[in-house]
PDB file of all heavy atoms in Angstrom:
ATOM      1  N   GLY A   1      -6.186 -66.249  16.048  1.00  0.00           N
ATOM      2  CA  GLY A   1      -7.136 -65.662  16.807  1.00  0.00           C
ATOM      3  C   GLY A   1      -7.066 -66.049  18.360  1.00  0.00           C
ATOM      4  O   GLY A   1      -8.139 -65.807  18.973  1.00  0.00           O
ATOM      5  N   VAL A   2      -6.097 -66.695  18.771  1.00  0.00           N
ATOM      6  CA  VAL A   2      -5.996 -67.182  20.118  1.00  0.00           C
ATOM      7  C   VAL A   2      -6.142 -66.110  21.201  1.00  0.00           C
ATOM      8  O   VAL A   2      -6.827 -66.213  22.277  1.00  0.00           O
ATOM      9  CB  VAL A   2      -4.646 -67.937  20.368  1.00  0.00           C
ATOM     10  CG1 VAL A   2      -4.444 -68.146  21.834  1.00  0.00           C
ATOM     11  CG2 VAL A   2      -4.835 -69.305  19.746  1.00  0.00           C
ATOM     12  N   PHE A   3      -5.660 -64.842  20.865  1.00  0.00           N
ATOM     13  CA  PHE A   3      -5.665 -63.869  21.840  1.00  0.00           C
ATOM     14  C   PHE A   3      -6.785 -62.787  21.632  1.00  0.00           C
ATOM     15  O   PHE A   3      -6.719 -61.754  22.215  1.00  0.00           O
ATOM     16  CB  PHE A   3      -4.303 -63.131  21.820  1.00  0.00           C
ATOM     17  CG  PHE A   3      -3.161 -63.970  22.136  1.00  0.00           C
ATOM     18  CD1 PHE A   3      -2.319 -64.594  21.148  1.00  0.00           C
ATOM     19  CD2 PHE A   3      -2.891 -64.503  23.418  1.00  0.00           C
ATOM     20  CE1 PHE A   3      -1.254 -65.369  21.392  1.00  0.00           C
ATOM     21  CE2 PHE A   3      -1.802 -65.294  23.775  1.00  0.00           C
ATOM     22  CZ  PHE A   3      -0.973 -65.759  22.698  1.00  0.00           C
ATOM     23  N   ASN A   4      -7.713 -63.109  20.832  1.00  0.00           N
ATOM     24  CA  ASN A   4      -8.721 -62.148  20.380  1.00  0.00           C
ATOM     25  C   ASN A   4      -9.805 -61.920  21.547  1.00  0.00           C
ATOM     26  O   ASN A   4     -10.426 -60.910  21.553  1.00  0.00           O
ATOM     27  CB  ASN A   4      -9.426 -62.582  19.105  1.00  0.00           C
ATOM     28  CG  ASN A   4      -8.648 -62.391  17.923  1.00  0.00           C
ATOM     29  OD1 ASN A   4      -7.524 -61.811  17.939  1.00  0.00           O
ATOM     30  ND2 ASN A   4      -9.076 -62.956  16.844  1.00  0.00           N
ATOM     31  N   SER A   5      -9.981 -62.902  22.352  1.00  0.00           N
ATOM     32  CA  SER A   5     -11.182 -62.796  23.333  1.00  0.00           C
ATOM     33  C   SER A   5     -10.784 -63.266  24.689  1.00  0.00           C
ATOM     34  O   SER A   5     -11.113 -64.328  25.178  1.00  0.00           O
ATOM     35  CB  SER A   5     -12.329 -63.684  22.757  1.00  0.00           C
ATOM     36  OG  SER A   5     -12.635 -63.264  21.503  1.00  0.00           O
ATOM     37  N   PRO A   6     -10.200 -62.398  25.427  1.00  0.00           N
ATOM     38  CA  PRO A   6      -9.942 -62.664  26.944  1.00  0.00           C
ATOM     39  C   PRO A   6     -11.308 -62.986  27.604  1.00  0.00           C
ATOM     40  O   PRO A   6     -12.265 -62.204  27.333  1.00  0.00           O
ATOM     41  CB  PRO A   6      -9.370 -61.348  27.458  1.00  0.00           C
ATOM     42  CG  PRO A   6      -8.888 -60.600  26.191  1.00  0.00           C
ATOM     43  CD  PRO A   6      -9.811 -60.982  25.093  1.00  0.00           C
ATOM     44  N   PRO A   7     -11.353 -63.929  28.496  1.00  0.00           N
ATOM     45  CA  PRO A   7     -12.630 -64.223  29.200  1.00  0.00           C
ATOM     46  C   PRO A   7     -13.137 -63.138  30.155  1.00  0.00           C
ATOM     47  O   PRO A   7     -12.131 -62.493  30.820  1.00  0.00           O
ATOM     48  CB  PRO A   7     -12.258 -65.455  29.966  1.00  0.00           C
ATOM     49  CG  PRO A   7     -10.779 -65.339  30.182  1.00  0.00           C
ATOM     50  CD  PRO A   7     -10.294 -64.705  28.906  1.00  0.00           C
ATOM     51  N   PRO A   8     -14.376 -62.865  30.192  1.00  0.00           N
ATOM     52  CA  PRO A   8     -14.830 -61.787  31.136  1.00  0.00           C
ATOM     53  C   PRO A   8     -14.886 -62.290  32.571  1.00  0.00           C
ATOM     54  O   PRO A   8     -14.917 -63.447  32.845  1.00  0.00           O
ATOM     55  CB  PRO A   8     -16.168 -61.431  30.508  1.00  0.00           C
ATOM     56  CG  PRO A   8     -16.629 -62.731  29.994  1.00  0.00           C
ATOM     57  CD  PRO A   8     -15.423 -63.258  29.356  1.00  0.00           C
ATOM     58  N   LEU A   9     -15.111 -61.347  33.562  1.00  0.00           N
ATOM     59  CA  LEU A   9     -15.449 -61.761  34.819  1.00  0.00           C
ATOM     60  C   LEU A   9     -16.868 -62.227  34.903  1.00  0.00           C
ATOM     61  O   LEU A   9     -17.710 -61.743  34.149  1.00  0.00           O
ATOM     62  CB  LEU A   9     -15.386 -60.414  35.757  1.00  0.00           C
ATOM     63  CG  LEU A   9     -15.826 -60.470  37.191  1.00  0.00           C
ATOM     64  CD1 LEU A   9     -14.913 -59.674  38.032  1.00  0.00           C
ATOM     65  CD2 LEU A   9     -17.298 -60.041  37.325  1.00  0.00           C
ATOM     66  N   ILE A  10     -17.131 -63.294  35.544  1.00  0.00           N
ATOM     67  CA  ILE A  10     -18.424 -63.986  35.544  1.00  0.00           C
ATOM     68  C   ILE A  10     -19.214 -63.555  36.864  1.00  0.00           C
ATOM     69  O   ILE A  10     -18.754 -63.744  38.031  1.00  0.00           O
ATOM     70  CB  ILE A  10     -18.392 -65.435  35.494  1.00  0.00           C
ATOM     71  CG1 ILE A  10     -17.614 -65.786  34.127  1.00  0.00           C
ATOM     72  CG2 ILE A  10     -19.702 -66.067  35.522  1.00  0.00           C
ATOM     73  CD1 ILE A  10     -17.259 -67.264  34.069  1.00  0.00           C
ATOM     74  N   GLU A  11     -20.308 -63.024  36.676  1.00  0.00           N
ATOM     75  CA  GLU A  11     -21.272 -62.726  37.826  1.00  0.00           C
ATOM     76  C   GLU A  11     -22.146 -63.979  38.117  1.00  0.00           C
ATOM     77  O   GLU A  11     -22.788 -64.492  37.283  1.00  0.00           O
ATOM     78  CB  GLU A  11     -22.235 -61.548  37.449  1.00  0.00           C
ATOM     79  CG  GLU A  11     -21.568 -60.309  37.012  1.00  0.00           C
ATOM     80  CD  GLU A  11     -21.176 -59.464  38.068  1.00  0.00           C
ATOM     81  OE1 GLU A  11     -21.613 -59.831  39.369  1.00  0.00           O
ATOM     82  OE2 GLU A  11     -20.499 -58.441  37.991  1.00  0.00           O
ATOM     83  N   MET A  12     -21.878 -64.464  39.380  1.00  0.00           N
ATOM     84  CA  MET A  12     -22.656 -65.673  39.770  1.00  0.00           C
ATOM     85  C   MET A  12     -23.977 -65.340  40.429  1.00  0.00           C
ATOM     86  O   MET A  12     -24.376 -64.131  40.771  1.00  0.00           O
ATOM     87  CB  MET A  12     -21.738 -66.352  40.911  1.00  0.00           C
ATOM     88  CG  MET A  12     -20.416 -66.621  40.454  1.00  0.00           C
ATOM     89  SD  MET A  12     -19.984 -67.700  39.111  1.00  0.00           S
ATOM     90  CE  MET A  12     -20.321 -69.321  39.842  1.00  0.00           C
ATOM     91  N   ASP A  13     -24.801 -66.336  40.549  1.00  0.00           N
ATOM     92  CA  ASP A  13     -26.219 -66.128  40.994  1.00  0.00           C
ATOM     93  C   ASP A  13     -26.244 -65.747  42.480  1.00  0.00           C
ATOM     94  O   ASP A  13     -27.209 -65.194  42.903  1.00  0.00           O
ATOM     95  CB  ASP A  13     -27.040 -67.401  40.895  1.00  0.00           C
ATOM     96  CG  ASP A  13     -27.266 -67.815  39.291  1.00  0.00           C
ATOM     97  OD1 ASP A  13     -27.182 -66.838  38.584  1.00  0.00           O
ATOM     98  OD2 ASP A  13     -27.495 -68.893  39.072  1.00  0.00           O
ATOM     99  N   ASN A  14     -25.201 -66.058  43.255  1.00  0.00           N
ATOM    100  CA  ASN A  14     -25.273 -65.816  44.733  1.00  0.00           C
ATOM    101  C   ASN A  14     -24.488 -64.470  45.048  1.00  0.00           C
ATOM    102  O   ASN A  14     -24.041 -64.218  46.206  1.00  0.00           O
ATOM    103  CB  ASN A  14     -24.658 -66.956  45.533  1.00  0.00           C
ATOM    104  CG  ASN A  14     -23.191 -67.141  45.034  1.00  0.00           C
ATOM    105  OD1 ASN A  14     -22.700 -66.584  44.129  1.00  0.00           O
ATOM    106  ND2 ASN A  14     -22.492 -67.997  45.788  1.00  0.00           N
ATOM    107  N   ASN A  15     -24.651 -63.578  44.110  1.00  0.00           N
ATOM    108  CA  ASN A  15     -23.978 -62.216  44.264  1.00  0.00           C
ATOM    109  C   ASN A  15     -22.465 -62.239  44.494  1.00  0.00           C
ATOM    110  O   ASN A  15     -21.858 -61.375  45.089  1.00  0.00           O
ATOM    111  CB  ASN A  15     -24.629 -61.461  45.505  1.00  0.00           C
ATOM    112  CG  ASN A  15     -26.134 -61.077  45.239  1.00  0.00           C
ATOM    113  OD1 ASN A  15     -26.446 -60.719  44.018  1.00  0.00           O
ATOM    114  ND2 ASN A  15     -26.945 -61.154  46.119  1.00  0.00           N
ATOM    115  N   THR A  16     -21.707 -63.362  43.968  1.00  0.00           N
ATOM    116  CA  THR A  16     -20.315 -63.364  44.088  1.00  0.00           C
ATOM    117  C   THR A  16     -19.922 -63.279  42.548  1.00  0.00           C
ATOM    118  O   THR A  16     -20.655 -63.346  41.676  1.00  0.00           O
ATOM    119  CB  THR A  16     -19.817 -64.640  44.701  1.00  0.00           C
ATOM    120  OG1 THR A  16     -20.329 -65.791  44.048  1.00  0.00           O
ATOM    121  CG2 THR A  16     -20.342 -64.674  46.164  1.00  0.00           C
ATOM    122  N   VAL A  17     -18.625 -63.246  42.386  1.00  0.00           N
ATOM    123  CA  VAL A  17     -17.972 -63.224  41.108  1.00  0.00           C
ATOM    124  C   VAL A  17     -16.852 -64.236  40.889  1.00  0.00           C
ATOM    125  O   VAL A  17     -16.414 -64.672  41.825  1.00  0.00           O
ATOM    126  CB  VAL A  17     -17.466 -61.824  40.752  1.00  0.00           C
ATOM    127  CG1 VAL A  17     -18.495 -60.732  40.683  1.00  0.00           C
ATOM    128  CG2 VAL A  17     -16.350 -61.438  41.658  1.00  0.00           C
ATOM    129  N   ARG A  18     -16.661 -64.570  39.687  1.00  0.00           N
ATOM    130  CA  ARG A  18     -15.637 -65.618  39.377  1.00  0.00           C
ATOM    131  C   ARG A  18     -14.662 -64.902  38.460  1.00  0.00           C
ATOM    132  O   ARG A  18     -14.998 -64.417  37.342  1.00  0.00           O
ATOM    133  CB  ARG A  18     -16.114 -66.864  38.758  1.00  0.00           C
ATOM    134  CG  ARG A  18     -15.094 -67.871  38.334  1.00  0.00           C
ATOM    135  CD  ARG A  18     -15.746 -69.189  37.990  1.00  0.00           C
ATOM    136  NE  ARG A  18     -14.692 -70.159  37.407  1.00  0.00           N
ATOM    137  CZ  ARG A  18     -14.678 -70.520  36.223  1.00  0.00           C
ATOM    138  NH1 ARG A  18     -15.443 -69.947  35.341  1.00  0.00           N
ATOM    139  NH2 ARG A  18     -13.668 -71.325  35.795  1.00  0.00           N
ATOM    140  N   PHE A  19     -13.435 -64.876  38.928  1.00  0.00           N
ATOM    141  CA  PHE A  19     -12.348 -64.280  38.178  1.00  0.00           C
ATOM    142  C   PHE A  19     -11.749 -65.328  37.223  1.00  0.00           C
ATOM    143  O   PHE A  19     -10.961 -66.167  37.662  1.00  0.00           O
ATOM    144  CB  PHE A  19     -11.082 -63.677  38.997  1.00  0.00           C
ATOM    145  CG  PHE A  19     -11.550 -62.682  40.015  1.00  0.00           C
ATOM    146  CD1 PHE A  19     -11.088 -62.677  41.286  1.00  0.00           C
ATOM    147  CD2 PHE A  19     -12.436 -61.678  39.663  1.00  0.00           C
ATOM    148  CE1 PHE A  19     -11.554 -61.653  42.163  1.00  0.00           C
ATOM    149  CE2 PHE A  19     -12.889 -60.688  40.541  1.00  0.00           C
ATOM    150  CZ  PHE A  19     -12.442 -60.631  41.822  1.00  0.00           C
ATOM    151  N   THR A  20     -12.172 -65.374  36.015  1.00  0.00           N
ATOM    152  CA  THR A  20     -11.858 -66.354  35.026  1.00  0.00           C
ATOM    153  C   THR A  20     -10.417 -66.268  34.572  1.00  0.00           C
ATOM    154  O   THR A  20     -10.014 -65.166  34.095  1.00  0.00           O
ATOM    155  CB  THR A  20     -12.731 -66.477  33.772  1.00  0.00           C
ATOM    156  OG1 THR A  20     -14.102 -66.413  34.211  1.00  0.00           O
ATOM    157  CG2 THR A  20     -12.509 -67.595  32.932  1.00  0.00           C
ATOM    158  N   LEU A  21      -9.455 -67.312  34.787  1.00  0.00           N
ATOM    159  CA  LEU A  21      -8.201 -67.276  34.329  1.00  0.00           C
ATOM    160  C   LEU A  21      -7.993 -67.405  32.816  1.00  0.00           C
ATOM    161  O   LEU A  21      -8.992 -67.918  32.173  1.00  0.00           O
ATOM    162  CB  LEU A  21      -7.435 -68.324  34.970  1.00  0.00           C
ATOM    163  CG  LEU A  21      -7.365 -68.347  36.563  1.00  0.00           C
ATOM    164  CD1 LEU A  21      -6.651 -69.549  37.043  1.00  0.00           C
ATOM    165  CD2 LEU A  21      -6.728 -67.040  37.054  1.00  0.00           C
ATOM    166  N   TRP A  22      -6.999 -66.897  32.222  1.00  0.00           N
ATOM    167  CA  TRP A  22      -6.796 -66.911  30.875  1.00  0.00           C
ATOM    168  C   TRP A  22      -5.425 -67.653  30.613  1.00  0.00           C
ATOM    169  O   TRP A  22      -4.397 -67.037  30.706  1.00  0.00           O
ATOM    170  CB  TRP A  22      -6.774 -65.562  30.242  1.00  0.00           C
ATOM    171  CG  TRP A  22      -6.942 -65.545  28.819  1.00  0.00           C
ATOM    172  CD1 TRP A  22      -7.584 -66.516  27.966  1.00  0.00           C
ATOM    173  CD2 TRP A  22      -6.469 -64.484  27.859  1.00  0.00           C
ATOM    174  NE1 TRP A  22      -7.542 -66.078  26.608  1.00  0.00           N
ATOM    175  CE2 TRP A  22      -6.963 -64.856  26.466  1.00  0.00           C
ATOM    176  CE3 TRP A  22      -5.841 -63.283  28.022  1.00  0.00           C
ATOM    177  CZ2 TRP A  22      -6.653 -64.116  25.428  1.00  0.00           C
ATOM    178  CZ3 TRP A  22      -5.535 -62.494  26.944  1.00  0.00           C
ATOM    179  CH2 TRP A  22      -5.977 -62.803  25.606  1.00  0.00           C
ATOM    180  N   PRO A  23      -5.406 -68.909  30.410  1.00  0.00           N
ATOM    181  CA  PRO A  23      -4.087 -69.712  30.375  1.00  0.00           C
ATOM    182  C   PRO A  23      -3.187 -69.269  29.318  1.00  0.00           C
ATOM    183  O   PRO A  23      -1.953 -69.323  29.314  1.00  0.00           O
ATOM    184  CB  PRO A  23      -4.684 -71.113  30.005  1.00  0.00           C
ATOM    185  CG  PRO A  23      -5.921 -71.198  30.636  1.00  0.00           C
ATOM    186  CD  PRO A  23      -6.520 -69.862  30.345  1.00  0.00           C
ATOM    187  N   GLU A  24      -3.759 -68.599  28.101  1.00  0.00           N
ATOM    188  CA  GLU A  24      -2.922 -68.078  27.152  1.00  0.00           C
ATOM    189  C   GLU A  24      -1.824 -67.099  27.540  1.00  0.00           C
ATOM    190  O   GLU A  24      -0.699 -67.027  27.081  1.00  0.00           O
ATOM    191  CB  GLU A  24      -3.777 -67.418  26.039  1.00  0.00           C
ATOM    192  CG  GLU A  24      -4.560 -68.466  25.221  1.00  0.00           C
ATOM    193  CD  GLU A  24      -5.759 -69.014  25.877  1.00  0.00           C
ATOM    194  OE1 GLU A  24      -6.042 -68.725  27.088  1.00  0.00           O
ATOM    195  OE2 GLU A  24      -6.538 -69.807  25.221  1.00  0.00           O
ATOM    196  N   LEU A  25      -2.012 -66.477  28.645  1.00  0.00           N
ATOM    197  CA  LEU A  25      -1.201 -65.388  29.253  1.00  0.00           C
ATOM    198  C   LEU A  25       0.101 -66.145  29.801  1.00  0.00           C
ATOM    199  O   LEU A  25       1.079 -65.582  29.830  1.00  0.00           O
ATOM    200  CB  LEU A  25      -1.779 -64.629  30.479  1.00  0.00           C
ATOM    201  CG  LEU A  25      -2.738 -63.553  29.998  1.00  0.00           C
ATOM    202  CD1 LEU A  25      -3.521 -62.889  31.138  1.00  0.00           C
ATOM    203  CD2 LEU A  25      -2.072 -62.444  29.257  1.00  0.00           C
ATOM    204  N   LEU A  26      -0.091 -67.397  30.094  1.00  0.00           N
ATOM    205  CA  LEU A  26       1.119 -68.143  30.646  1.00  0.00           C
ATOM    206  C   LEU A  26       2.073 -68.321  29.523  1.00  0.00           C
ATOM    207  O   LEU A  26       3.295 -68.293  29.845  1.00  0.00           O
ATOM    208  CB  LEU A  26       0.658 -69.681  31.198  1.00  0.00           C
ATOM    209  CG  LEU A  26      -0.328 -69.656  32.270  1.00  0.00           C
ATOM    210  CD1 LEU A  26      -0.888 -71.016  32.446  1.00  0.00           C
ATOM    211  CD2 LEU A  26       0.328 -69.093  33.442  1.00  0.00           C
ATOM    212  N   TYR A  27       1.686 -68.557  28.358  1.00  0.00           N
ATOM    213  CA  TYR A  27       2.648 -68.550  27.200  1.00  0.00           C
ATOM    214  C   TYR A  27       3.390 -67.230  26.983  1.00  0.00           C
ATOM    215  O   TYR A  27       4.629 -67.123  26.861  1.00  0.00           O
ATOM    216  CB  TYR A  27       1.915 -68.962  25.944  1.00  0.00           C
ATOM    217  CG  TYR A  27       2.750 -68.738  24.647  1.00  0.00           C
ATOM    218  CD1 TYR A  27       3.974 -69.485  24.550  1.00  0.00           C
ATOM    219  CD2 TYR A  27       2.282 -67.934  23.609  1.00  0.00           C
ATOM    220  CE1 TYR A  27       4.622 -69.393  23.372  1.00  0.00           C
ATOM    221  CE2 TYR A  27       3.128 -67.776  22.496  1.00  0.00           C
ATOM    222  CZ  TYR A  27       4.183 -68.567  22.376  1.00  0.00           C
ATOM    223  OH  TYR A  27       4.930 -68.359  21.267  1.00  0.00           O
TER     224      TYR A  27
END
């Protein structure tokens, strides 16, 4: 199940967003 749940984009409190990387794609 390593590839079942790609991380979502994270909405930050200061009206910015964080593009969460998914290291499994490196493989």
